[in-house]
Amino acid sequence: MPIHNWSGVSDGMFHYFHQRWIGTIADWLNEGRLPEGFYAIGEVYANAVEPDVLAVEDRPPETGRADGQASNGFGVALLESPPKTRFTWEAERESYLARKDLIAVRSVEGILVGVIEIVSAGNKSSQARFRKFLTKTIDFLDQGIHVLIVDLFPPTPRDPQGIHQAIWSEKYDGDFEFHADKPLTLASYRATTEGSVARSFVEPIAVGDALPAMPLFLWSDRYINVDLEQTYQCAWDVYPAPLKPKVESAVSA
């Protein structure tokens, strides 16, 4: 379904949807889409940072199949072929510049491997809050935790070129080509491991677009395509009926 203009309604109206969407994504992941021994939960603390949806792992052998899917005995398909997004950036493990409610995925041992962060207006409401959000995201990546960012809010003075440019420029060189007609952002970050490079997969989107699936990495070469469209629709289906017209009538960004 088309993305609503959440910047045209009150923070409280998005907050409730945000909470429902977090739970829906966690449920979607837990319905047999994660390997055995992994689970997704919302609203947890992870190593002194707070993610929206976290993915935890029980690091199994990284064996694969010729068709690009993992074959690790877990009964779920983990993808190995490159994610299909319009833009991809790479950076060496050490950058030249170097010389955070969420969903978490964990293993039964409590190892955190990935997080999904749904940005709220509050994350961008002040320089201090935005700095906290950036620091949290970079802390995850520095710890080897993969991150998927979902930002349905337009740029602010704190991220004038969008949230991906703000995150990426914290660690690496390179400018993102901002598309003013697609001011919202979906961005998946593959954390660096020994011998690998940091990589981001970015989809610029706009109010009125359908949400594409986005990769959530569990290992440097394995990921799940998270169905953002289906989970968004499920969260919208249970959104309070009296509030829906207010959201639907919000002027497009």
Protein backbone atom coordinates (compact mmCIF):
# COMPACT_ATOMS: atom_id res chain seq x y z
CA MET A 1 0.00 0.00 0.00
CA PRO A 2 1.17 3.61 -0.48
CA ILE A 3 3.39 5.07 2.24
CA HIS A 4 1.48 7.66 4.25
CA ASN A 5 2.73 11.16 4.98
CA TRP A 6 3.58 10.66 8.65
CA SER A 7 5.27 14.06 8.81
CA GLY A 8 1.83 15.61 8.32
CA VAL A 9 0.37 14.24 11.57
CA SER A 10 1.25 14.46 15.25
CA ASP A 11 4.18 12.56 16.73
CA GLY A 12 1.77 10.58 18.89
CA MET A 13 -0.17 9.31 15.88
CA PHE A 14 3.01 7.94 14.32
CA HIS A 15 4.30 6.60 17.65
CA TYR A 16 1.39 4.19 17.96
CA PHE A 17 1.86 2.99 14.38
CA HIS A 18 5.59 2.74 14.99
CA GLN A 19 5.02 0.43 17.96
CA ARG A 20 2.57 -1.75 16.02
CA TRP A 21 4.94 -1.98 13.05
CA ILE A 22 7.83 -3.03 15.28
CA GLY A 23 5.75 -5.87 16.72
CA THR A 24 4.52 -6.89 13.26
CA ILE A 25 8.04 -7.08 11.84
CA ALA A 26 9.22 -9.12 14.83
CA ASP A 27 6.25 -11.48 14.38
CA TRP A 28 6.99 -11.78 10.66
CA LEU A 29 10.60 -12.72 11.35
CA ASN A 30 9.63 -15.21 14.07
CA GLU A 31 7.18 -17.03 11.77
CA GLY A 32 9.83 -19.41 10.47
CA ARG A 33 11.88 -16.82 8.58
CA LEU A 34 14.90 -16.89 10.87
CA PRO A 35 17.31 -19.81 11.23
CA GLU A 36 16.80 -22.17 14.14
CA GLY A 37 18.13 -20.64 17.33
CA PHE A 38 17.42 -17.05 16.22
CA TYR A 39 14.57 -14.84 17.38
CA ALA A 40 13.42 -11.24 16.95
CA ILE A 41 12.12 -9.02 19.72
CA GLY A 42 11.22 -5.36 20.06
CA GLU A 43 12.17 -2.65 22.54
CA VAL A 44 15.33 -4.13 23.95
CA TYR A 45 18.68 -2.77 25.04
CA ALA A 46 21.70 -4.11 23.21
CA ASN A 47 25.15 -3.51 24.67
CA ALA A 48 24.26 -0.05 25.99
CA VAL A 49 22.44 0.96 22.82
CA GLU A 50 18.75 0.62 22.09
CA PRO A 51 17.69 -0.87 18.71
CA ASP A 52 14.06 -1.14 17.26
CA VAL A 53 14.17 -4.70 15.93
CA LEU A 54 17.19 -6.86 16.75
CA ALA A 55 18.33 -10.09 15.13
CA VAL A 56 20.42 -12.45 17.21
CA GLU A 57 22.55 -15.29 15.98
CA ASP A 58 23.92 -18.69 16.85
CA ARG A 59 26.73 -18.47 14.30
CA PRO A 60 26.51 -21.69 12.26
CA PRO A 61 28.91 -22.89 9.57
CA GLU A 62 28.68 -20.63 6.53
CA THR A 63 27.96 -23.26 3.90
CA GLY A 64 25.99 -22.38 0.79
CA ARG A 65 24.27 -23.76 -2.27
CA ALA A 66 24.82 -23.11 -5.92
CA ASP A 67 21.47 -21.33 -6.24
CA GLY A 68 22.60 -18.48 -3.98
CA GLN A 69 20.72 -19.66 -0.88
CA ALA A 70 22.25 -20.94 2.33
CA SER A 71 21.96 -24.62 3.12
CA ASN A 72 22.72 -24.82 6.82
CA GLY A 73 20.12 -27.26 8.06
CA PHE A 74 17.91 -24.55 9.54
CA GLY A 75 15.04 -25.00 7.08
CA VAL A 76 14.94 -21.34 6.01
CA ALA A 77 16.43 -19.67 2.95
CA LEU A 78 19.18 -17.18 3.67
CA LEU A 79 20.16 -15.23 0.58
CA GLU A 80 23.72 -14.83 -0.64
CA SER A 81 23.25 -13.10 -4.00
CA PRO A 82 23.73 -9.30 -3.86
CA PRO A 83 20.63 -7.44 -2.64
CA LYS A 84 18.83 -5.62 -5.44
CA THR A 85 18.69 -1.95 -4.49
CA ARG A 86 19.30 0.95 -6.81
CA PHE A 87 22.40 2.19 -5.02
CA THR A 88 25.30 0.41 -3.31
CA TRP A 89 28.29 1.91 -1.54
CA GLU A 90 31.45 0.21 -0.36
CA ALA A 91 34.20 1.33 1.98
CA GLU A 92 37.34 -0.28 3.27
CA ARG A 93 37.21 -1.64 6.81
CA GLU A 94 39.23 1.35 8.08
CA SER A 95 37.80 4.59 6.76
CA TYR A 96 39.83 7.67 5.97
CA LEU A 97 37.63 9.68 8.29
CA ALA A 98 38.26 7.40 11.22
CA ARG A 99 42.26 7.59 11.14
CA LYS A 100 19.94 3.57 19.53
CA ASP A 101 12.72 1.78 20.37
CA LEU A 102 13.94 -0.93 17.79
CA ILE A 103 13.77 -4.61 16.73
CA ALA A 104 16.62 -6.92 17.66
CA VAL A 105 17.50 -10.39 16.34
CA ARG A 106 19.47 -12.64 18.71
CA SER A 107 20.57 -16.22 19.21
CA VAL A 108 19.64 -18.28 22.23
CA GLU A 109 23.11 -17.43 23.56
CA GLY A 110 22.16 -13.76 23.37
CA ILE A 111 24.50 -12.85 20.51
CA LEU A 112 23.14 -9.82 18.69
CA VAL A 113 23.69 -9.88 14.92
CA GLY A 114 21.29 -7.36 13.41
CA VAL A 115 18.87 -4.56 14.23
CA ILE A 116 16.02 -2.83 12.42
CA GLU A 117 15.55 0.80 13.35
CA ILE A 118 12.36 2.63 12.37
CA VAL A 119 13.18 6.33 12.55
CA SER A 120 10.73 8.58 14.35
CA ALA A 121 10.36 12.35 14.12
CA GLY A 122 11.87 12.53 17.61
CA ASN A 123 15.15 11.09 16.35
CA LYS A 124 15.57 14.22 14.22
CA SER A 125 13.93 16.78 16.50
CA SER A 126 17.16 18.22 17.92
CA GLN A 127 20.88 18.06 17.27
CA ALA A 128 21.42 16.17 20.53
CA ARG A 129 18.81 13.51 19.70
CA PHE A 130 20.06 13.14 16.17
CA ARG A 131 23.63 12.80 17.40
CA LYS A 132 22.48 10.08 19.81
CA PHE A 133 20.80 8.24 16.93
CA LEU A 134 23.92 8.46 14.75
CA THR A 135 26.17 7.34 17.59
CA LYS A 136 23.92 4.37 18.30
CA THR A 137 23.93 3.29 14.67
CA ILE A 138 27.71 3.59 14.34
CA ASP A 139 28.17 1.72 17.62
CA PHE A 140 26.20 -1.20 16.20
CA LEU A 141 28.27 -1.29 13.04
CA ASP A 142 31.53 -0.99 14.98
CA GLN A 143 30.46 -4.02 17.04
CA GLY A 144 29.86 -6.04 13.86
CA ILE A 145 26.06 -5.76 14.14
CA HIS A 146 24.22 -5.30 10.85
CA VAL A 147 21.64 -2.49 10.66
CA LEU A 148 18.51 -1.81 8.59
CA ILE A 149 17.21 1.77 8.78
CA VAL A 150 13.64 2.70 7.78
CA ASP A 151 13.17 6.47 7.59
CA LEU A 152 9.70 7.65 6.51
CA PHE A 153 10.41 11.28 7.42
CA PRO A 154 11.87 13.91 5.06
CA PRO A 155 15.29 15.48 5.64
CA THR A 156 15.78 18.12 8.33
CA PRO A 157 18.57 20.67 8.85
CA ARG A 158 20.36 17.84 10.68
CA ASP A 159 20.25 15.47 7.67
CA PRO A 160 19.77 17.79 4.67
CA GLN A 161 20.90 15.09 2.21
CA GLY A 162 18.91 12.35 3.93
CA ILE A 163 19.68 9.96 6.75
CA HIS A 164 21.93 7.67 4.73
CA GLN A 165 24.38 10.46 3.92
CA ALA A 166 24.42 11.45 7.59
CA ILE A 167 25.18 7.89 8.73
CA TRP A 168 27.66 7.02 5.98
CA SER A 169 29.68 10.24 6.32
CA GLU A 170 30.22 9.48 10.01
CA LYS A 171 32.61 6.69 9.03
CA TYR A 172 33.39 6.83 5.33
CA ASP A 173 34.14 9.14 2.43
CA GLY A 174 31.73 9.58 -0.46
CA ASP A 175 28.64 11.62 -1.17
CA PHE A 176 25.20 10.12 -1.75
CA GLU A 177 23.26 11.50 -4.70
CA PHE A 178 20.17 12.83 -2.94
CA HIS A 179 16.92 12.63 -4.93
CA ALA A 180 14.56 15.44 -3.92
CA ASP A 181 11.60 13.59 -5.46
CA LYS A 182 12.41 10.57 -3.26
CA PRO A 183 13.27 12.20 0.08
CA LEU A 184 12.57 9.21 2.34
CA THR A 185 15.14 6.47 2.82
CA LEU A 186 15.53 2.74 3.35
CA ALA A 187 19.14 1.75 4.02
CA SER A 188 20.69 -1.57 4.96
CA TYR A 189 24.23 -1.67 6.33
CA ARG A 190 26.44 -4.74 6.29
CA ALA A 191 28.86 -4.41 9.17
CA THR A 192 32.51 -5.09 8.48
CA THR A 193 34.19 -8.31 9.51
CA GLU A 194 37.78 -9.43 9.08
CA GLY A 195 38.65 -9.34 5.41
CA SER A 196 35.38 -7.69 4.31
CA VAL A 197 34.32 -4.18 3.35
CA ALA A 198 31.50 -2.11 4.75
CA ARG A 199 28.60 -1.95 2.32
CA SER A 200 25.28 -0.11 2.23
CA PHE A 201 22.19 -0.88 0.15
CA VAL A 202 19.95 2.15 -0.31
CA GLU A 203 16.45 2.72 -1.69
CA PRO A 204 15.19 6.32 -1.94
CA ILE A 205 11.40 6.37 -1.63
CA ALA A 206 8.57 8.89 -1.34
CA VAL A 207 5.13 9.30 0.17
CA GLY A 208 2.73 7.31 -1.99
CA ASP A 209 5.28 4.64 -2.94
CA ALA A 210 4.97 0.98 -2.05
CA LEU A 211 7.70 -0.27 0.27
CA PRO A 212 10.25 -2.61 -1.32
CA ALA A 213 11.72 -5.53 0.59
CA MET A 214 15.08 -4.69 2.18
CA PRO A 215 17.97 -6.91 3.25
CA LEU A 216 18.76 -7.55 6.91
CA PHE A 217 22.16 -9.22 7.10
CA LEU A 218 22.75 -12.02 9.59
CA TRP A 219 26.29 -12.71 8.36
CA SER A 220 28.49 -10.79 5.98
CA ASP A 221 27.32 -13.00 3.09
CA ARG A 222 23.82 -14.02 4.25
CA TYR A 223 20.71 -11.92 4.65
CA ILE A 224 16.93 -12.02 4.83
CA ASN A 225 14.79 -9.78 2.63
CA VAL A 226 12.40 -8.16 5.13
CA ASP A 227 8.90 -7.66 3.69
CA LEU A 228 8.33 -4.06 4.73
CA GLU A 229 5.22 -3.73 2.54
CA GLN A 230 3.36 -6.68 4.08
CA THR A 231 4.27 -5.75 7.64
CA TYR A 232 3.35 -2.09 7.05
CA GLN A 233 -0.05 -3.19 5.70
CA CYS A 234 -0.64 -5.47 8.71
CA ALA A 235 0.21 -2.65 11.13
CA TRP A 236 -2.08 -0.28 9.21
CA ASP A 237 -4.94 -2.79 9.27
CA VAL A 238 -5.07 -2.59 13.08
CA TYR A 239 -4.45 1.15 13.29
CA PRO A 240 -7.40 2.88 15.04
CA ALA A 241 -10.15 3.50 12.49
CA PRO A 242 -10.99 7.04 13.76
CA LEU A 243 -7.37 8.10 13.15
CA LYS A 244 -6.96 6.68 9.66
CA PRO A 245 -8.75 9.55 7.85
CA LYS A 246 -6.45 12.06 9.54
CA VAL A 247 -3.38 10.20 8.31
CA GLU A 248 -4.81 9.60 4.84
CA SER A 249 -5.74 13.27 4.43
CA ALA A 250 -2.31 14.59 5.41
CA VAL A 251 -0.86 16.66 2.59
CA SER A 252 1.89 14.79 0.77
CA ALA A 253 5.43 15.79 1.58
